[in-house]
Amino acid sequence: MDLENGQLKESLNFIGRFCLDNKVKISVAESVTAGLLQVMLSTCEKAGLFYEGGLTAYSCAQKLTNLGIDRQECEKNEGVTMNIAELMALQIAQRFDTQLALGISGFASPIPEKGILELYAYSAIALNGEIVYAKRLEAVSENQIENQIHFAKDTIHLCARFLNHLR
């Protein structure tokens, strides 16, 4: 994963500048990206001034315990719905006391024994306690790490584009 990639670095720097200029703190709750969003945001210049941290919750048990996600909805859908991604963003914002938060959950690799063959993720952005943007992201390959990186980069770009519209 090249964090010096031009477009990715530009989006990360934009998020950082937006947060600093507007006295906004950011946090993340992720599942499918397994900490990649946390790594990416931590590379921003002056990240310690606006990035509060994140949580990786892969299982439904952890999504319930750490983010208050409904057990029944989580287990019925293997932890992956738009609503779950949105709740992850809202809950992490509340728990980390941030104005801006990202939530993402999805499937980066097939789980044939559970009937999961389609690869996708749901990404959500919360601002000031409300979901302001959410999108289904499609996988780019059958390779798990390629999909995880793609989902993380897409989420960073979506956040930067959304914040740019607020200026």
Foldseek 3Di string as FASTA:
>chain_A
DDLVPDVLVVLLQLVVVLCVVVVFAEEEEEALLQCPLQVSNVPHVVSVSHYQYYYYDHFLVCCCVQQVDDSVVCVVPVNADLVSQASRQLRRCVVSVTQKYKGKDWALAADVVVPRHFGWMKMWMGGRNHTDDIDIGHADDNDSNSRSVVVSSVNSSVVSVVSVVVD
